[in-house]
């Protein structure tokens, strides 16, 4: 477990890749997301790598939700290839969608010159009191995505933690 001095919440990273089958893992994506979330003040409970299979992704997401993390960041599987099922599984798990945040992630990527960003099918939503966000797996997408996601996710987490009805 990685700790931060002033925690804004607990996080779980789920790297989705078929490369783990061949022993290549997530190519450091989980470590990069962990580093950036810790810098932002999150306590990262863990980073798991799962194959691009709906059952495995769903299980990892549900583990984080049941475990009470505030934020789950999935990395990878957001494109248009047949095995890119992360957004579809996320749709099944979330209770409420946060389409504005998903669009902000796409457009910040586009503004940074990553034209592939608008092809991402990544979703953001809430399951229980957990924010779940899909980001693409490239290092530039991770850096840009988290720069955009973190303040928006923190705001959503604060709202979910508000005791007022």
C-alpha atoms as a PDB file:
ATOM      1  CA  UNK A   1       0.000   0.000   0.000  1.00  0.00           C
ATOM      2  CA  UNK A   2       1.235   3.463  -0.890  1.00  0.00           C
ATOM      3  CA  UNK A   3       0.409   6.341   1.430  1.00  0.00           C
ATOM      4  CA  UNK A   4       0.162  10.082   1.009  1.00  0.00           C
ATOM      5  CA  UNK A   5       0.523  12.837   3.596  1.00  0.00           C
ATOM      6  CA  UNK A   6      -2.822  14.593   3.113  1.00  0.00           C
ATOM      7  CA  UNK A   7      -5.193  12.053   1.618  1.00  0.00           C
ATOM      8  CA  UNK A   8      -8.010  13.196  -0.627  1.00  0.00           C
ATOM      9  CA  UNK A   9      -9.260   9.622  -0.895  1.00  0.00           C
ATOM     10  CA  UNK A  10      -8.429   5.989  -1.520  1.00  0.00           C
ATOM     11  CA  UNK A  11      -7.810   4.724  -5.035  1.00  0.00           C
ATOM     12  CA  UNK A  12      -7.451   1.472  -6.957  1.00  0.00           C
ATOM     13  CA  UNK A  13      -5.817   1.133 -10.366  1.00  0.00           C
ATOM     14  CA  UNK A  14      -7.032  -1.532 -12.792  1.00  0.00           C
ATOM     15  CA  UNK A  15      -4.793  -2.023 -15.838  1.00  0.00           C
ATOM     16  CA  UNK A  16      -6.596  -3.828 -18.652  1.00  0.00           C
ATOM     17  CA  UNK A  17      -4.308  -5.550 -21.130  1.00  0.00           C
ATOM     18  CA  UNK A  18      -3.932  -8.804 -22.970  1.00  0.00           C
ATOM     19  CA  UNK A  19      -0.150  -8.438 -22.726  1.00  0.00           C
ATOM     20  CA  UNK A  20      -0.186  -9.993 -19.254  1.00  0.00           C
ATOM     21  CA  UNK A  21      -0.956 -13.303 -20.927  1.00  0.00           C
ATOM     22  CA  UNK A  22       2.463 -13.038 -22.569  1.00  0.00           C
ATOM     23  CA  UNK A  23       4.178 -11.866 -19.367  1.00  0.00           C
ATOM     24  CA  UNK A  24       4.579  -8.226 -20.418  1.00  0.00           C
ATOM     25  CA  UNK A  25       2.140  -6.821 -17.858  1.00  0.00           C
ATOM     26  CA  UNK A  26       0.913  -3.264 -18.154  1.00  0.00           C
ATOM     27  CA  UNK A  27       4.212  -1.756 -19.388  1.00  0.00           C
ATOM     28  CA  UNK A  28       4.476   0.429 -16.268  1.00  0.00           C
ATOM     29  CA  UNK A  29       1.046   2.030 -16.639  1.00  0.00           C
ATOM     30  CA  UNK A  30      -0.043   1.041 -13.130  1.00  0.00           C
ATOM     31  CA  UNK A  31       3.155   2.430 -11.609  1.00  0.00           C
ATOM     32  CA  UNK A  32       2.742   5.737 -13.469  1.00  0.00           C
ATOM     33  CA  UNK A  33      -0.895   6.108 -12.396  1.00  0.00           C
ATOM     34  CA  UNK A  34       0.087   5.243  -8.811  1.00  0.00           C
ATOM     35  CA  UNK A  35       2.831   7.876  -8.828  1.00  0.00           C
ATOM     36  CA  UNK A  36       0.539  10.582 -10.206  1.00  0.00           C
ATOM     37  CA  UNK A  37      -2.345   9.775  -7.846  1.00  0.00           C
ATOM     38  CA  UNK A  38      -0.047   9.769  -4.807  1.00  0.00           C
ATOM     39  CA  UNK A  39       1.351  13.153  -5.912  1.00  0.00           C
ATOM     40  CA  UNK A  40      -2.272  14.374  -6.053  1.00  0.00           C
ATOM     41  CA  UNK A  41      -2.899  13.240  -2.466  1.00  0.00           C
ATOM     42  CA  UNK A  42      -4.572   9.857  -2.935  1.00  0.00           C
ATOM     43  CA  UNK A  43      -3.768   6.740  -0.967  1.00  0.00           C
ATOM     44  CA  UNK A  44      -3.428   3.970  -3.547  1.00  0.00           C
ATOM     45  CA  UNK A  45      -4.715   0.709  -2.096  1.00  0.00           C
ATOM     46  CA  UNK A  46      -3.385  -1.318  -5.005  1.00  0.00           C
ATOM     47  CA  UNK A  47      -2.789  -1.770  -8.689  1.00  0.00           C
ATOM     48  CA  UNK A  48      -4.044  -4.881 -10.466  1.00  0.00           C
ATOM     49  CA  UNK A  49      -3.600  -6.049 -14.029  1.00  0.00           C
ATOM     50  CA  UNK A  50      -6.409  -8.014 -15.644  1.00  0.00           C
ATOM     51  CA  UNK A  51      -6.933  -9.429 -19.130  1.00  0.00           C
ATOM     52  CA  UNK A  52      -9.343  -7.736 -21.503  1.00  0.00           C
ATOM     53  CA  UNK A  53     -12.194 -10.021 -20.470  1.00  0.00           C
ATOM     54  CA  UNK A  54     -15.502  -8.653 -19.188  1.00  0.00           C
ATOM     55  CA  UNK A  55     -15.624 -11.034 -16.213  1.00  0.00           C
ATOM     56  CA  UNK A  56     -12.120 -10.095 -15.021  1.00  0.00           C
ATOM     57  CA  UNK A  57     -12.701  -6.359 -15.427  1.00  0.00           C
ATOM     58  CA  UNK A  58     -16.083  -6.535 -13.672  1.00  0.00           C
ATOM     59  CA  UNK A  59     -14.572  -8.502 -10.785  1.00  0.00           C
ATOM     60  CA  UNK A  60     -11.788  -5.936 -10.305  1.00  0.00           C
ATOM     61  CA  UNK A  61     -14.242  -3.013 -10.398  1.00  0.00           C
ATOM     62  CA  UNK A  62     -16.617  -4.688  -7.952  1.00  0.00           C
ATOM     63  CA  UNK A  63     -13.721  -5.494  -5.601  1.00  0.00           C
ATOM     64  CA  UNK A  64     -12.829  -1.801  -5.457  1.00  0.00           C
ATOM     65  CA  UNK A  65     -16.429  -0.679  -4.962  1.00  0.00           C
ATOM     66  CA  UNK A  66     -17.076  -3.247  -2.219  1.00  0.00           C
ATOM     67  CA  UNK A  67     -13.706  -2.362  -0.673  1.00  0.00           C
ATOM     68  CA  UNK A  68     -14.852   1.243  -0.334  1.00  0.00           C
ATOM     69  CA  UNK A  69     -12.256   3.006  -2.466  1.00  0.00           C
ATOM     70  CA  UNK A  70     -13.188   6.514  -3.542  1.00  0.00           C
ATOM     71  CA  UNK A  71     -11.699   6.313  -7.039  1.00  0.00           C
ATOM     72  CA  UNK A  72     -11.024   3.481  -9.473  1.00  0.00           C
ATOM     73  CA  UNK A  73      -8.941   4.377 -12.512  1.00  0.00           C
ATOM     74  CA  UNK A  74      -8.945   1.818 -15.295  1.00  0.00           C
ATOM     75  CA  UNK A  75      -6.125   2.020 -17.809  1.00  0.00           C
ATOM     76  CA  UNK A  76      -6.509   0.558 -21.292  1.00  0.00           C
ATOM     77  CA  UNK A  77      -9.210  -1.119 -23.321  1.00  0.00           C
ATOM     78  CA  UNK A  78     -11.014   2.111 -24.239  1.00  0.00           C
ATOM     79  CA  UNK A  79     -10.669   2.005 -28.018  1.00  0.00           C
ATOM     80  CA  UNK A  80     -12.788   0.547 -30.795  1.00  0.00           C
ATOM     81  CA  UNK A  81     -11.126  -2.841 -31.191  1.00  0.00           C
ATOM     82  CA  UNK A  82     -13.389  -5.829 -30.519  1.00  0.00           C
ATOM     83  CA  UNK A  83     -11.516  -6.668 -27.282  1.00  0.00           C
ATOM     84  CA  UNK A  84     -11.731  -3.082 -25.950  1.00  0.00           C
ATOM     85  CA  UNK A  85     -14.570  -3.823 -23.523  1.00  0.00           C
ATOM     86  CA  UNK A  86     -13.594  -1.679 -20.520  1.00  0.00           C
ATOM     87  CA  UNK A  87     -16.224   1.046 -21.215  1.00  0.00           C
ATOM     88  CA  UNK A  88     -18.960  -1.542 -21.745  1.00  0.00           C
ATOM     89  CA  UNK A  89     -18.198  -3.256 -18.434  1.00  0.00           C
ATOM     90  CA  UNK A  90     -17.971   0.111 -16.682  1.00  0.00           C
ATOM     91  CA  UNK A  91     -21.457   0.957 -17.978  1.00  0.00           C
ATOM     92  CA  UNK A  92     -22.742  -2.255 -16.371  1.00  0.00           C
ATOM     93  CA  UNK A  93     -21.148  -1.467 -12.994  1.00  0.00           C
ATOM     94  CA  UNK A  94     -21.947   2.235 -12.545  1.00  0.00           C
ATOM     95  CA  UNK A  95     -25.219   3.491 -11.068  1.00  0.00           C
ATOM     96  CA  UNK A  96     -24.858   6.992 -12.532  1.00  0.00           C
ATOM     97  CA  UNK A  97     -22.890   8.236 -15.491  1.00  0.00           C
ATOM     98  CA  UNK A  98     -20.715  11.366 -15.406  1.00  0.00           C
ATOM     99  CA  UNK A  99     -20.528  12.082 -19.144  1.00  0.00           C
ATOM    100  CA  UNK A 100     -19.150  15.594 -18.683  1.00  0.00           C
ATOM    101  CA  UNK A 101     -15.972  14.240 -17.102  1.00  0.00           C
ATOM    102  CA  UNK A 102     -15.572  11.626 -19.849  1.00  0.00           C
ATOM    103  CA  UNK A 103     -15.929  14.352 -22.477  1.00  0.00           C
ATOM    104  CA  UNK A 104     -13.441  16.569 -20.625  1.00  0.00           C
ATOM    105  CA  UNK A 105     -10.918  13.711 -20.779  1.00  0.00           C
ATOM    106  CA  UNK A 106     -11.417  13.339 -24.536  1.00  0.00           C
ATOM    107  CA  UNK A 107     -11.186  17.046 -25.289  1.00  0.00           C
ATOM    108  CA  UNK A 108      -8.183  17.683 -23.060  1.00  0.00           C
ATOM    109  CA  UNK A 109      -6.387  14.951 -24.996  1.00  0.00           C
ATOM    110  CA  UNK A 110      -7.405  16.551 -28.267  1.00  0.00           C
ATOM    111  CA  UNK A 111      -6.225  19.964 -27.034  1.00  0.00           C
ATOM    112  CA  UNK A 112      -2.875  18.384 -26.140  1.00  0.00           C
ATOM    113  CA  UNK A 113      -2.518  17.244 -29.747  1.00  0.00           C
ATOM    114  CA  UNK A 114      -3.505  13.609 -29.233  1.00  0.00           C
ATOM    115  CA  UNK A 115      -6.026  13.278 -32.055  1.00  0.00           C
ATOM    116  CA  UNK A 116      -6.736   9.652 -31.095  1.00  0.00           C
ATOM    117  CA  UNK A 117      -8.242  10.934 -27.836  1.00  0.00           C
ATOM    118  CA  UNK A 118     -11.638  11.574 -29.387  1.00  0.00           C
ATOM    119  CA  UNK A 119     -11.835   7.952 -30.548  1.00  0.00           C
ATOM    120  CA  UNK A 120     -11.718   6.801 -26.915  1.00  0.00           C
ATOM    121  CA  UNK A 121     -14.946   5.262 -25.644  1.00  0.00           C
ATOM    122  CA  UNK A 122     -13.869   5.790 -22.025  1.00  0.00           C
ATOM    123  CA  UNK A 123     -16.604   6.264 -19.450  1.00  0.00           C
ATOM    124  CA  UNK A 124     -16.759   7.931 -16.047  1.00  0.00           C
ATOM    125  CA  UNK A 125     -19.459   7.181 -13.519  1.00  0.00           C
ATOM    126  CA  UNK A 126     -20.345   6.436  -9.921  1.00  0.00           C
ATOM    127  CA  UNK A 127     -21.029   3.053  -8.360  1.00  0.00           C
ATOM    128  CA  UNK A 128     -22.244   3.459  -4.797  1.00  0.00           C
ATOM    129  CA  UNK A 129     -19.830   6.089  -3.494  1.00  0.00           C
ATOM    130  CA  UNK A 130     -16.960   5.160  -5.833  1.00  0.00           C
ATOM    131  CA  UNK A 131     -15.999   7.194  -8.899  1.00  0.00           C
ATOM    132  CA  UNK A 132     -14.869   4.933 -11.760  1.00  0.00           C
ATOM    133  CA  UNK A 133     -12.938   6.462 -14.671  1.00  0.00           C
ATOM    134  CA  UNK A 134     -11.568   4.849 -17.834  1.00  0.00           C
ATOM    135  CA  UNK A 135      -8.421   6.306 -19.406  1.00  0.00           C
ATOM    136  CA  UNK A 136      -6.375   5.142 -22.380  1.00  0.00           C
ATOM    137  CA  UNK A 137      -3.190   3.197 -21.745  1.00  0.00           C
ATOM    138  CA  UNK A 138      -0.496   5.288 -23.446  1.00  0.00           C
ATOM    139  CA  UNK A 139       1.833   7.279 -21.207  1.00  0.00           C
ATOM    140  CA  UNK A 140       0.759  10.646 -22.720  1.00  0.00           C
ATOM    141  CA  UNK A 141      -2.910   9.682 -22.274  1.00  0.00           C
ATOM    142  CA  UNK A 142      -2.253   8.728 -18.655  1.00  0.00           C
ATOM    143  CA  UNK A 143      -0.453  11.985 -17.845  1.00  0.00           C
ATOM    144  CA  UNK A 144      -2.962  14.206 -19.634  1.00  0.00           C
ATOM    145  CA  UNK A 145      -5.940  12.163 -18.468  1.00  0.00           C
ATOM    146  CA  UNK A 146      -5.004  12.306 -14.809  1.00  0.00           C
ATOM    147  CA  UNK A 147      -4.214  16.033 -14.992  1.00  0.00           C
ATOM    148  CA  UNK A 148      -7.803  16.529 -16.154  1.00  0.00           C
ATOM    149  CA  UNK A 149      -9.427  13.790 -14.080  1.00  0.00           C
ATOM    150  CA  UNK A 150      -7.994  14.404 -10.614  1.00  0.00           C
ATOM    151  CA  UNK A 151      -9.597  17.785  -9.794  1.00  0.00           C
ATOM    152  CA  UNK A 152     -12.926  16.664 -11.255  1.00  0.00           C
ATOM    153  CA  UNK A 153     -12.824  13.346  -9.394  1.00  0.00           C
ATOM    154  CA  UNK A 154     -11.920  15.092  -6.134  1.00  0.00           C
ATOM    155  CA  UNK A 155     -14.936  17.373  -6.583  1.00  0.00           C
ATOM    156  CA  UNK A 156     -17.216  14.377  -7.222  1.00  0.00           C
ATOM    157  CA  UNK A 157     -15.757  12.510  -4.210  1.00  0.00           C
ATOM    158  CA  UNK A 158     -16.408  15.548  -2.009  1.00  0.00           C
ATOM    159  CA  UNK A 159     -20.016  15.646  -3.209  1.00  0.00           C
ATOM    160  CA  UNK A 160     -20.448  11.912  -2.582  1.00  0.00           C
ATOM    161  CA  UNK A 161     -19.047  12.381   0.942  1.00  0.00           C
ATOM    162  CA  UNK A 162     -21.377  15.297   1.743  1.00  0.00           C
ATOM    163  CA  UNK A 163     -23.823  14.193   4.456  1.00  0.00           C
ATOM    164  CA  UNK A 164     -26.531  16.542   3.181  1.00  0.00           C
ATOM    165  CA  UNK A 165     -29.310  14.833   1.214  1.00  0.00           C
END
